[in-house]
Amino acid sequence: MASTREIRTKIKSIQSTQKITKAMQMVAAAKMRKAQERTKASRPYAVRMAGILSHMARASVEYRHPFLIKRDPVRRVGVIVVATDKGLCGGLNTNVLRLLVNQMKEWQTSGIEVECCAIGTRALGFLQRMGANVVSHVVGLGDTPHLERLIGPVKVMLDAYVEARIDQLDVFYSRFINTMKQDPWQAQMLPLRDFYYDVAGEKIESKVSDMLWDYIYEPDARDVLDTVFVRYAEAMVYQFVAENMASEQSARMVAMKAASDNARNIIDELTLIANKTRQAAITREISEIVGGAAAV
């Protein structure tokens, strides 16, 4: 059995770790509130834009934007993987990357090639370790998504779709549901589908399935659609990263709270062991004194 001094040293070490995890929990909680507010503020814009563009996808116009053109069969797929720059956030990244690996295995079985864009240090490191074809990446985003840093690497994938180097563009990220729940999610970004998902992940079909209709474009359809679809790509990428950041801070807060609780439980157990060890030592000393007195 370890000595009392060794046990006390372990307790002090765990107490120091507990202070760190508590501090990280408080920092994550503060960042989580800001990230959640940012995500909830941008989500209605992204959902509404997806709804409008789903109407445009059904519209009958002379000009069809490349983002609306569905290519069949799909021979090459582009993937945008959104993960965190830092760890200590539970299984958040693991769940997303597991979903990505399973999907890539299905694509490879079907003979479909995959090109990847990594957003976040964890995504880039994982894709490099698995030998994936990474054509662009961005790391070190911090706690706030900046569109000017995101649109460059993503534009590589958008240009690849326009130039028909890829036939489909999917995004893998962590979808923020609430503080205790973050789901790994796969979203098809291109070609634009005629439905979108609400906050809870329910699929919302377009309401114009039985009729053909169109907008009035000014100055003309090409100029309007080219501008709108660029805004759509920017809004979607920003929303994906914002959702992932809110999920990251929520998962980190929960993970650090669990670590603090575990540290407290270990400290209680070690304190009990230390008390028992000390009591046994005192009892042994008393027994030795009594035995010596009896012998005299």
C-alpha atoms as a PDB file:
ATOM      1  CA  MET A   1       0.000   0.000   0.000  1.00  0.00           C
ATOM      2  CA  ALA A   2       1.247   3.504  -0.816  1.00  0.00           C
ATOM      3  CA  SER A   3       2.389   5.681   2.026  1.00  0.00           C
ATOM      4  CA  THR A   4       0.366   8.610   3.307  1.00  0.00           C
ATOM      5  CA  ARG A   5       2.855  11.054   1.814  1.00  0.00           C
ATOM      6  CA  GLU A   6       2.515   9.499  -1.652  1.00  0.00           C
ATOM      7  CA  ILE A   7      -1.267   9.599  -1.457  1.00  0.00           C
ATOM      8  CA  ARG A   8      -1.224  13.262  -0.367  1.00  0.00           C
ATOM      9  CA  THR A   9       1.040  14.054  -3.326  1.00  0.00           C
ATOM     10  CA  LYS A  10      -1.432  12.374  -5.703  1.00  0.00           C
ATOM     11  CA  ILE A  11      -4.310  14.339  -4.157  1.00  0.00           C
ATOM     12  CA  LYS A  12      -2.476  17.651  -4.658  1.00  0.00           C
ATOM     13  CA  SER A  13      -1.704  16.730  -8.270  1.00  0.00           C
ATOM     14  CA  ILE A  14      -5.347  15.882  -8.997  1.00  0.00           C
ATOM     15  CA  GLN A  15      -6.499  19.066  -7.259  1.00  0.00           C
ATOM     16  CA  SER A  16      -4.257  21.074  -9.580  1.00  0.00           C
ATOM     17  CA  THR A  17      -5.765  19.281 -12.583  1.00  0.00           C
ATOM     18  CA  GLN A  18      -9.258  19.957 -11.225  1.00  0.00           C
ATOM     19  CA  LYS A  19      -8.518  23.689 -11.050  1.00  0.00           C
ATOM     20  CA  ILE A  20      -7.503  23.642 -14.704  1.00  0.00           C
ATOM     21  CA  THR A  21     -10.610  21.730 -15.833  1.00  0.00           C
ATOM     22  CA  LYS A  22     -12.889  24.051 -13.847  1.00  0.00           C
ATOM     23  CA  ALA A  23     -11.253  27.091 -15.427  1.00  0.00           C
ATOM     24  CA  MET A  24     -11.613  25.560 -18.903  1.00  0.00           C
ATOM     25  CA  GLN A  25     -15.256  24.756 -18.154  1.00  0.00           C
ATOM     26  CA  MET A  26     -15.971  28.388 -17.235  1.00  0.00           C
ATOM     27  CA  VAL A  27     -14.159  29.687 -20.327  1.00  0.00           C
ATOM     28  CA  ALA A  28     -16.041  27.248 -22.572  1.00  0.00           C
ATOM     29  CA  ALA A  29     -19.357  28.269 -20.994  1.00  0.00           C
ATOM     30  CA  ALA A  30     -18.684  31.945 -21.747  1.00  0.00           C
ATOM     31  CA  LYS A  31     -17.650  31.185 -25.337  1.00  0.00           C
ATOM     32  CA  MET A  32     -20.571  28.802 -25.752  1.00  0.00           C
ATOM     33  CA  ARG A  33     -23.155  31.506 -25.105  1.00  0.00           C
ATOM     34  CA  LYS A  34     -21.632  33.772 -27.746  1.00  0.00           C
ATOM     35  CA  ALA A  35     -21.325  30.904 -30.234  1.00  0.00           C
ATOM     36  CA  GLN A  36     -24.940  29.849 -29.676  1.00  0.00           C
ATOM     37  CA  GLU A  37     -26.193  33.405 -30.163  1.00  0.00           C
ATOM     38  CA  ARG A  38     -24.156  33.698 -33.363  1.00  0.00           C
ATOM     39  CA  THR A  39     -25.510  30.403 -34.686  1.00  0.00           C
ATOM     40  CA  LYS A  40     -29.134  31.198 -33.859  1.00  0.00           C
ATOM     41  CA  ALA A  41     -28.810  34.654 -35.417  1.00  0.00           C
ATOM     42  CA  SER A  42     -27.421  33.371 -38.727  1.00  0.00           C
ATOM     43  CA  ARG A  43     -29.563  30.232 -39.040  1.00  0.00           C
ATOM     44  CA  PRO A  44     -32.832  31.913 -40.202  1.00  0.00           C
ATOM     45  CA  TYR A  45     -30.962  33.691 -43.012  1.00  0.00           C
ATOM     46  CA  ALA A  46     -29.327  30.469 -44.186  1.00  0.00           C
ATOM     47  CA  VAL A  47     -32.575  28.475 -44.027  1.00  0.00           C
ATOM     48  CA  ARG A  48     -34.548  31.156 -45.832  1.00  0.00           C
ATOM     49  CA  MET A  49     -31.930  31.466 -48.565  1.00  0.00           C
ATOM     50  CA  ALA A  50     -31.916  27.684 -49.022  1.00  0.00           C
ATOM     51  CA  GLY A  51     -35.712  27.804 -49.369  1.00  0.00           C
ATOM     52  CA  ILE A  52     -35.609  30.556 -51.983  1.00  0.00           C
ATOM     53  CA  LEU A  53     -32.944  28.781 -53.995  1.00  0.00           C
ATOM     54  CA  SER A  54     -34.901  25.535 -53.827  1.00  0.00           C
ATOM     55  CA  HIS A  55     -37.706  27.457 -55.574  1.00  0.00           C
ATOM     56  CA  MET A  56     -35.242  28.734 -58.154  1.00  0.00           C
ATOM     57  CA  ALA A  57     -34.077  25.172 -58.726  1.00  0.00           C
ATOM     58  CA  ARG A  58     -37.617  24.324 -59.902  1.00  0.00           C
ATOM     59  CA  ALA A  59     -38.076  27.539 -61.863  1.00  0.00           C
ATOM     60  CA  SER A  60     -38.294  27.469 -65.630  1.00  0.00           C
ATOM     61  CA  VAL A  61     -35.743  29.935 -66.977  1.00  0.00           C
ATOM     62  CA  GLU A  62     -33.503  30.011 -70.001  1.00  0.00           C
ATOM     63  CA  TYR A  63     -30.346  30.232 -67.868  1.00  0.00           C
ATOM     64  CA  ARG A  64     -29.520  27.329 -65.580  1.00  0.00           C
ATOM     65  CA  HIS A  65     -26.805  28.047 -63.038  1.00  0.00           C
ATOM     66  CA  PRO A  66     -24.171  25.272 -62.750  1.00  0.00           C
ATOM     67  CA  PHE A  67     -25.059  24.826 -59.064  1.00  0.00           C
ATOM     68  CA  LEU A  68     -28.516  23.613 -60.155  1.00  0.00           C
ATOM     69  CA  ILE A  69     -27.314  21.059 -62.691  1.00  0.00           C
ATOM     70  CA  LYS A  70     -27.381  17.490 -61.414  1.00  0.00           C
ATOM     71  CA  ARG A  71     -24.747  15.249 -62.968  1.00  0.00           C
ATOM     72  CA  ASP A  72     -25.440  11.573 -63.374  1.00  0.00           C
ATOM     73  CA  PRO A  73     -23.649   9.299 -62.862  1.00  0.00           C
ATOM     74  CA  VAL A  74     -21.496  10.722 -60.051  1.00  0.00           C
ATOM     75  CA  ARG A  75     -17.867   9.774 -60.640  1.00  0.00           C
ATOM     76  CA  ARG A  76     -16.042  12.275 -58.421  1.00  0.00           C
ATOM     77  CA  VAL A  77     -17.196  13.834 -55.144  1.00  0.00           C
ATOM     78  CA  GLY A  78     -15.898  16.868 -53.289  1.00  0.00           C
ATOM     79  CA  VAL A  79     -16.001  16.875 -49.498  1.00  0.00           C
ATOM     80  CA  ILE A  80     -15.703  19.792 -47.066  1.00  0.00           C
ATOM     81  CA  VAL A  81     -14.811  18.502 -43.582  1.00  0.00           C
ATOM     82  CA  VAL A  82     -15.410  20.919 -40.691  1.00  0.00           C
ATOM     83  CA  ALA A  83     -13.724  20.037 -37.392  1.00  0.00           C
ATOM     84  CA  THR A  84     -12.123  21.900 -34.496  1.00  0.00           C
ATOM     85  CA  ASP A  85      -8.639  23.363 -34.136  1.00  0.00           C
ATOM     86  CA  LYS A  86      -8.302  22.194 -30.526  1.00  0.00           C
ATOM     87  CA  GLY A  87      -9.163  19.017 -28.656  1.00  0.00           C
ATOM     88  CA  LEU A  88     -10.654  18.344 -25.213  1.00  0.00           C
ATOM     89  CA  CYS A  89     -14.204  18.419 -26.581  1.00  0.00           C
ATOM     90  CA  GLY A  90     -15.269  14.825 -26.021  1.00  0.00           C
ATOM     91  CA  GLY A  91     -16.197  12.718 -29.039  1.00  0.00           C
ATOM     92  CA  LEU A  92     -17.273  15.669 -31.202  1.00  0.00           C
ATOM     93  CA  ASN A  93     -14.575  15.311 -33.861  1.00  0.00           C
ATOM     94  CA  THR A  94     -14.528  11.517 -33.603  1.00  0.00           C
ATOM     95  CA  ASN A  95     -18.227  11.255 -34.471  1.00  0.00           C
ATOM     96  CA  VAL A  96     -17.924  13.506 -37.534  1.00  0.00           C
ATOM     97  CA  LEU A  97     -14.787  11.802 -38.806  1.00  0.00           C
ATOM     98  CA  ARG A  98     -16.328   8.364 -38.281  1.00  0.00           C
ATOM     99  CA  LEU A  99     -19.318   9.450 -40.389  1.00  0.00           C
ATOM    100  CA  LEU A 100     -16.893  10.692 -43.056  1.00  0.00           C
ATOM    101  CA  VAL A 101     -14.902   7.443 -43.091  1.00  0.00           C
ATOM    102  CA  ASN A 102     -18.015   5.300 -43.451  1.00  0.00           C
ATOM    103  CA  GLN A 103     -19.273   7.433 -46.341  1.00  0.00           C
ATOM    104  CA  MET A 104     -15.885   7.438 -48.070  1.00  0.00           C
ATOM    105  CA  LYS A 105     -15.777   3.635 -47.859  1.00  0.00           C
ATOM    106  CA  GLU A 106     -19.148   3.479 -49.632  1.00  0.00           C
ATOM    107  CA  TRP A 107     -17.937   5.854 -52.325  1.00  0.00           C
ATOM    108  CA  GLN A 108     -14.703   3.934 -52.835  1.00  0.00           C
ATOM    109  CA  THR A 109     -16.647   0.682 -53.086  1.00  0.00           C
ATOM    110  CA  SER A 110     -18.703   2.274 -55.869  1.00  0.00           C
ATOM    111  CA  GLY A 111     -15.573   3.500 -57.649  1.00  0.00           C
ATOM    112  CA  ILE A 112     -16.142   7.182 -56.808  1.00  0.00           C
ATOM    113  CA  GLU A 113     -13.074   9.362 -56.276  1.00  0.00           C
ATOM    114  CA  VAL A 114     -13.020  11.916 -53.437  1.00  0.00           C
ATOM    115  CA  GLU A 115     -11.385  15.342 -53.125  1.00  0.00           C
ATOM    116  CA  CYS A 116     -11.287  16.977 -49.686  1.00  0.00           C
ATOM    117  CA  CYS A 117     -11.242  20.468 -48.239  1.00  0.00           C
ATOM    118  CA  ALA A 118     -10.286  20.562 -44.538  1.00  0.00           C
ATOM    119  CA  ILE A 119     -11.511  23.276 -42.182  1.00  0.00           C
ATOM    120  CA  GLY A 120      -9.822  22.964 -38.799  1.00  0.00           C
ATOM    121  CA  THR A 121      -6.548  21.466 -37.610  1.00  0.00           C
ATOM    122  CA  ARG A 122      -8.161  18.201 -36.494  1.00  0.00           C
ATOM    123  CA  ALA A 123      -9.771  17.662 -39.907  1.00  0.00           C
ATOM    124  CA  LEU A 124      -6.536  18.385 -41.778  1.00  0.00           C
ATOM    125  CA  GLY A 125      -4.463  16.091 -39.556  1.00  0.00           C
ATOM    126  CA  PHE A 126      -6.937  13.224 -39.862  1.00  0.00           C
ATOM    127  CA  LEU A 127      -7.249  13.505 -43.654  1.00  0.00           C
ATOM    128  CA  GLN A 128      -3.475  13.589 -44.044  1.00  0.00           C
ATOM    129  CA  ARG A 129      -3.052  10.508 -41.834  1.00  0.00           C
ATOM    130  CA  MET A 130      -5.596   8.533 -43.849  1.00  0.00           C
ATOM    131  CA  GLY A 131      -3.956   9.552 -47.133  1.00  0.00           C
ATOM    132  CA  ALA A 132      -6.921  11.491 -48.525  1.00  0.00           C
ATOM    133  CA  ASN A 133      -6.595  13.878 -51.463  1.00  0.00           C
ATOM    134  CA  VAL A 134      -6.637  17.283 -49.708  1.00  0.00           C
ATOM    135  CA  VAL A 135      -6.857  20.074 -52.290  1.00  0.00           C
ATOM    136  CA  SER A 136      -7.369  23.014 -49.892  1.00  0.00           C
ATOM    137  CA  HIS A 137      -7.506  23.732 -46.183  1.00  0.00           C
ATOM    138  CA  VAL A 138      -7.759  26.458 -43.546  1.00  0.00           C
ATOM    139  CA  VAL A 139      -6.730  26.189 -39.898  1.00  0.00           C
ATOM    140  CA  GLY A 140      -6.481  28.466 -36.884  1.00  0.00           C
ATOM    141  CA  LEU A 141      -9.926  30.052 -37.219  1.00  0.00           C
ATOM    142  CA  GLY A 142     -10.156  30.969 -33.531  1.00  0.00           C
ATOM    143  CA  ASP A 143     -13.466  31.310 -31.725  1.00  0.00           C
ATOM    144  CA  THR A 144     -15.245  33.400 -34.384  1.00  0.00           C
ATOM    145  CA  PRO A 145     -15.774  32.360 -38.024  1.00  0.00           C
ATOM    146  CA  HIS A 146     -14.375  34.863 -40.513  1.00  0.00           C
ATOM    147  CA  LEU A 147     -15.866  34.607 -43.973  1.00  0.00           C
ATOM    148  CA  GLU A 148     -12.846  36.150 -45.684  1.00  0.00           C
ATOM    149  CA  ARG A 149     -10.713  33.225 -44.457  1.00  0.00           C
ATOM    150  CA  LEU A 150     -13.277  30.548 -45.277  1.00  0.00           C
ATOM    151  CA  ILE A 151     -14.327  31.467 -48.781  1.00  0.00           C
ATOM    152  CA  GLY A 152     -10.831  30.997 -50.303  1.00  0.00           C
ATOM    153  CA  PRO A 153     -10.391  27.251 -49.620  1.00  0.00           C
ATOM    154  CA  VAL A 154     -14.083  26.593 -50.274  1.00  0.00           C
ATOM    155  CA  LYS A 155     -13.941  28.449 -53.605  1.00  0.00           C
ATOM    156  CA  VAL A 156     -11.492  25.812 -54.785  1.00  0.00           C
ATOM    157  CA  MET A 157     -14.270  23.237 -54.398  1.00  0.00           C
ATOM    158  CA  LEU A 158     -16.917  25.516 -55.947  1.00  0.00           C
ATOM    159  CA  ASP A 159     -14.721  26.157 -58.990  1.00  0.00           C
ATOM    160  CA  ALA A 160     -14.111  22.424 -59.289  1.00  0.00           C
ATOM    161  CA  TYR A 161     -17.879  21.857 -59.438  1.00  0.00           C
ATOM    162  CA  VAL A 162     -18.432  24.616 -61.985  1.00  0.00           C
ATOM    163  CA  GLU A 163     -15.636  23.201 -64.146  1.00  0.00           C
ATOM    164  CA  ALA A 164     -17.136  19.674 -63.788  1.00  0.00           C
ATOM    165  CA  ARG A 165     -14.036  18.272 -62.058  1.00  0.00           C
ATOM    166  CA  ILE A 166     -16.387  17.042 -59.319  1.00  0.00           C
ATOM    167  CA  ASP A 167     -20.013  15.999 -59.707  1.00  0.00           C
ATOM    168  CA  GLN A 168     -21.213  16.536 -56.122  1.00  0.00           C
ATOM    169  CA  LEU A 169     -20.151  18.579 -53.079  1.00  0.00           C
ATOM    170  CA  ASP A 170     -20.949  17.393 -49.545  1.00  0.00           C
ATOM    171  CA  VAL A 171     -20.185  18.953 -46.159  1.00  0.00           C
ATOM    172  CA  PHE A 172     -19.488  17.049 -42.930  1.00  0.00           C
ATOM    173  CA  TYR A 173     -19.820  18.997 -39.693  1.00  0.00           C
ATOM    174  CA  SER A 174     -21.320  18.904 -36.183  1.00  0.00           C
ATOM    175  CA  ARG A 175     -24.867  20.264 -36.162  1.00  0.00           C
ATOM    176  CA  PHE A 176     -25.765  22.156 -32.997  1.00  0.00           C
ATOM    177  CA  ILE A 177     -29.073  20.988 -31.475  1.00  0.00           C
ATOM    178  CA  ASN A 178     -28.717  22.131 -27.860  1.00  0.00           C
ATOM    179  CA  THR A 179     -26.097  22.318 -25.138  1.00  0.00           C
ATOM    180  CA  MET A 180     -26.217  18.579 -24.447  1.00  0.00           C
ATOM    181  CA  LYS A 181     -26.695  17.334 -28.011  1.00  0.00           C
ATOM    182  CA  GLN A 182     -24.587  17.833 -31.120  1.00  0.00           C
ATOM    183  CA  ASP A 183     -25.132  15.550 -34.095  1.00  0.00           C
ATOM    184  CA  PRO A 184     -22.610  14.598 -36.777  1.00  0.00           C
ATOM    185  CA  TRP A 185     -24.196  15.698 -40.025  1.00  0.00           C
ATOM    186  CA  GLN A 186     -23.714  15.191 -43.748  1.00  0.00           C
ATOM    187  CA  ALA A 187     -25.248  17.874 -45.969  1.00  0.00           C
ATOM    188  CA  GLN A 188     -25.255  17.964 -49.759  1.00  0.00           C
ATOM    189  CA  MET A 189     -24.269  21.468 -50.766  1.00  0.00           C
ATOM    190  CA  LEU A 190     -24.150  21.019 -54.546  1.00  0.00           C
ATOM    191  CA  PRO A 191     -26.101  20.410 -56.658  1.00  0.00           C
ATOM    192  CA  LEU A 192     -28.785  22.337 -54.830  1.00  0.00           C
ATOM    193  CA  ARG A 193     -31.628  20.051 -53.785  1.00  0.00           C
ATOM    194  CA  ASP A 194     -35.284  21.047 -53.768  1.00  0.00           C
ATOM    195  CA  PHE A 195     -35.631  20.660 -50.008  1.00  0.00           C
ATOM    196  CA  TYR A 196     -33.798  21.822 -46.902  1.00  0.00           C
ATOM    197  CA  TYR A 197     -33.621  20.951 -43.194  1.00  0.00           C
ATOM    198  CA  ASP A 198     -35.044  22.842 -40.252  1.00  0.00           C
ATOM    199  CA  VAL A 199     -33.419  23.340 -36.840  1.00  0.00           C
ATOM    200  CA  ALA A 200     -34.326  19.867 -35.572  1.00  0.00           C
ATOM    201  CA  GLY A 201     -33.037  18.169 -38.711  1.00  0.00           C
ATOM    202  CA  GLU A 202     -36.477  17.488 -40.211  1.00  0.00           C
ATOM    203  CA  LYS A 203     -36.637  17.563 -44.007  1.00  0.00           C
ATOM    204  CA  ILE A 204     -38.865  20.348 -45.381  1.00  0.00           C
ATOM    205  CA  GLU A 205     -40.108  19.780 -48.915  1.00  0.00           C
ATOM    206  CA  SER A 206     -40.730  22.657 -51.273  1.00  0.00           C
ATOM    207  CA  LYS A 207     -44.395  23.671 -51.581  1.00  0.00           C
ATOM    208  CA  VAL A 208     -44.334  24.041 -55.379  1.00  0.00           C
ATOM    209  CA  SER A 209     -43.941  20.424 -56.431  1.00  0.00           C
ATOM    210  CA  ASP A 210     -47.081  20.425 -58.583  1.00  0.00           C
ATOM    211  CA  MET A 211     -46.462  23.598 -60.595  1.00  0.00           C
ATOM    212  CA  LEU A 212     -43.795  25.471 -62.527  1.00  0.00           C
ATOM    213  CA  TRP A 213     -43.207  29.113 -61.744  1.00  0.00           C
ATOM    214  CA  ASP A 214     -40.471  31.694 -61.885  1.00  0.00           C
ATOM    215  CA  TYR A 215     -39.242  35.026 -60.554  1.00  0.00           C
ATOM    216  CA  ILE A 216     -38.895  38.286 -62.441  1.00  0.00           C
ATOM    217  CA  TYR A 217     -35.170  39.013 -62.754  1.00  0.00           C
ATOM    218  CA  GLU A 218     -33.667  42.484 -63.027  1.00  0.00           C
ATOM    219  CA  PRO A 219     -31.388  43.162 -64.887  1.00  0.00           C
ATOM    220  CA  ASP A 220     -31.368  39.548 -66.159  1.00  0.00           C
ATOM    221  CA  ALA A 221     -31.400  35.999 -64.828  1.00  0.00           C
ATOM    222  CA  ARG A 222     -27.671  35.321 -65.361  1.00  0.00           C
ATOM    223  CA  ASP A 223     -26.438  38.334 -63.375  1.00  0.00           C
ATOM    224  CA  VAL A 224     -28.930  37.829 -60.544  1.00  0.00           C
ATOM    225  CA  LEU A 225     -28.421  34.086 -60.198  1.00  0.00           C
ATOM    226  CA  ASP A 226     -24.617  34.312 -60.374  1.00  0.00           C
ATOM    227  CA  THR A 227     -24.637  36.817 -57.513  1.00  0.00           C
ATOM    228  CA  VAL A 228     -27.275  35.018 -55.449  1.00  0.00           C
ATOM    229  CA  PHE A 229     -25.579  31.643 -55.674  1.00  0.00           C
ATOM    230  CA  VAL A 230     -22.265  33.113 -54.548  1.00  0.00           C
ATOM    231  CA  ARG A 231     -24.079  34.566 -51.532  1.00  0.00           C
ATOM    232  CA  TYR A 232     -25.674  31.173 -50.968  1.00  0.00           C
ATOM    233  CA  ALA A 233     -22.289  29.428 -50.896  1.00  0.00           C
ATOM    234  CA  GLU A 234     -20.901  32.020 -48.479  1.00  0.00           C
ATOM    235  CA  ALA A 235     -23.944  31.803 -46.196  1.00  0.00           C
ATOM    236  CA  MET A 236     -23.893  28.004 -46.119  1.00  0.00           C
ATOM    237  CA  VAL A 237     -20.180  27.752 -45.352  1.00  0.00           C
ATOM    238  CA  TYR A 238     -20.444  30.391 -42.632  1.00  0.00           C
ATOM    239  CA  GLN A 239     -23.430  28.592 -41.108  1.00  0.00           C
ATOM    240  CA  PHE A 240     -21.692  25.205 -41.145  1.00  0.00           C
ATOM    241  CA  VAL A 241     -18.633  26.604 -39.353  1.00  0.00           C
ATOM    242  CA  ALA A 242     -20.774  28.575 -36.880  1.00  0.00           C
ATOM    243  CA  GLU A 243     -22.768  25.430 -36.048  1.00  0.00           C
ATOM    244  CA  ASN A 244     -19.549  23.481 -35.545  1.00  0.00           C
ATOM    245  CA  MET A 245     -18.082  26.157 -33.255  1.00  0.00           C
ATOM    246  CA  ALA A 246     -21.220  26.231 -31.100  1.00  0.00           C
ATOM    247  CA  SER A 247     -21.069  22.444 -30.899  1.00  0.00           C
ATOM    248  CA  GLU A 248     -17.371  22.589 -29.993  1.00  0.00           C
ATOM    249  CA  GLN A 249     -17.815  24.950 -27.043  1.00  0.00           C
ATOM    250  CA  SER A 250     -20.855  23.033 -25.773  1.00  0.00           C
ATOM    251  CA  ALA A 251     -19.045  19.704 -26.000  1.00  0.00           C
ATOM    252  CA  ARG A 252     -15.939  21.155 -24.329  1.00  0.00           C
ATOM    253  CA  MET A 253     -17.973  22.592 -21.449  1.00  0.00           C
ATOM    254  CA  VAL A 254     -19.668  19.233 -20.879  1.00  0.00           C
ATOM    255  CA  ALA A 255     -16.351  17.357 -21.158  1.00  0.00           C
ATOM    256  CA  MET A 256     -14.584  19.664 -18.703  1.00  0.00           C
ATOM    257  CA  LYS A 257     -17.490  19.404 -16.250  1.00  0.00           C
ATOM    258  CA  ALA A 258     -17.256  15.617 -16.436  1.00  0.00           C
ATOM    259  CA  ALA A 259     -13.486  15.814 -15.900  1.00  0.00           C
ATOM    260  CA  SER A 260     -13.946  18.070 -12.856  1.00  0.00           C
ATOM    261  CA  ASP A 261     -16.552  15.709 -11.386  1.00  0.00           C
ATOM    262  CA  ASN A 262     -14.290  12.700 -11.962  1.00  0.00           C
ATOM    263  CA  ALA A 263     -11.381  14.526 -10.320  1.00  0.00           C
ATOM    264  CA  ARG A 264     -13.544  15.257  -7.282  1.00  0.00           C
ATOM    265  CA  ASN A 265     -14.549  11.588  -7.027  1.00  0.00           C
ATOM    266  CA  ILE A 266     -10.926  10.456  -7.245  1.00  0.00           C
ATOM    267  CA  ILE A 267      -9.910  12.993  -4.595  1.00  0.00           C
ATOM    268  CA  ASP A 268     -12.636  11.688  -2.274  1.00  0.00           C
ATOM    269  CA  GLU A 269     -11.471   8.101  -2.803  1.00  0.00           C
ATOM    270  CA  LEU A 270      -7.810   8.973  -2.238  1.00  0.00           C
ATOM    271  CA  THR A 271      -8.691  10.995   0.872  1.00  0.00           C
ATOM    272  CA  LEU A 272     -10.525   7.985   2.276  1.00  0.00           C
ATOM    273  CA  ILE A 273      -7.534   5.747   1.497  1.00  0.00           C
ATOM    274  CA  ALA A 274      -5.169   8.271   3.097  1.00  0.00           C
ATOM    275  CA  ASN A 275      -7.270   8.389   6.238  1.00  0.00           C
ATOM    276  CA  LYS A 276      -7.365   4.588   6.418  1.00  0.00           C
ATOM    277  CA  THR A 277      -3.602   4.412   5.892  1.00  0.00           C
ATOM    278  CA  ARG A 278      -2.985   7.021   8.579  1.00  0.00           C
ATOM    279  CA  GLN A 279      -5.360   5.248  10.979  1.00  0.00           C
ATOM    280  CA  ALA A 280      -3.610   1.925  10.322  1.00  0.00           C
ATOM    281  CA  ALA A 281      -0.231   3.527  10.996  1.00  0.00           C
ATOM    282  CA  ILE A 282      -1.466   5.023  14.264  1.00  0.00           C
ATOM    283  CA  THR A 283      -2.981   1.688  15.308  1.00  0.00           C
ATOM    284  CA  ARG A 284       0.282  -0.094  14.490  1.00  0.00           C
ATOM    285  CA  GLU A 285       2.303   2.396  16.543  1.00  0.00           C
ATOM    286  CA  ILE A 286      -0.059   2.048  19.513  1.00  0.00           C
ATOM    287  CA  SER A 287       0.160  -1.741  19.246  1.00  0.00           C
ATOM    288  CA  GLU A 288       3.953  -1.556  19.236  1.00  0.00           C
ATOM    289  CA  ILE A 289       3.949   0.724  22.301  1.00  0.00           C
ATOM    290  CA  VAL A 290       1.527  -1.520  24.180  1.00  0.00           C
ATOM    291  CA  GLY A 291       3.474  -4.617  23.181  1.00  0.00           C
ATOM    292  CA  GLY A 292       6.716  -3.042  24.346  1.00  0.00           C
ATOM    293  CA  ALA A 293       5.191  -1.976  27.665  1.00  0.00           C
ATOM    294  CA  ALA A 294       3.787  -5.469  28.216  1.00  0.00           C
ATOM    295  CA  ALA A 295       7.207  -7.008  27.520  1.00  0.00           C
ATOM    296  CA  VAL A 296       8.879  -4.719  30.035  1.00  0.00           C
END
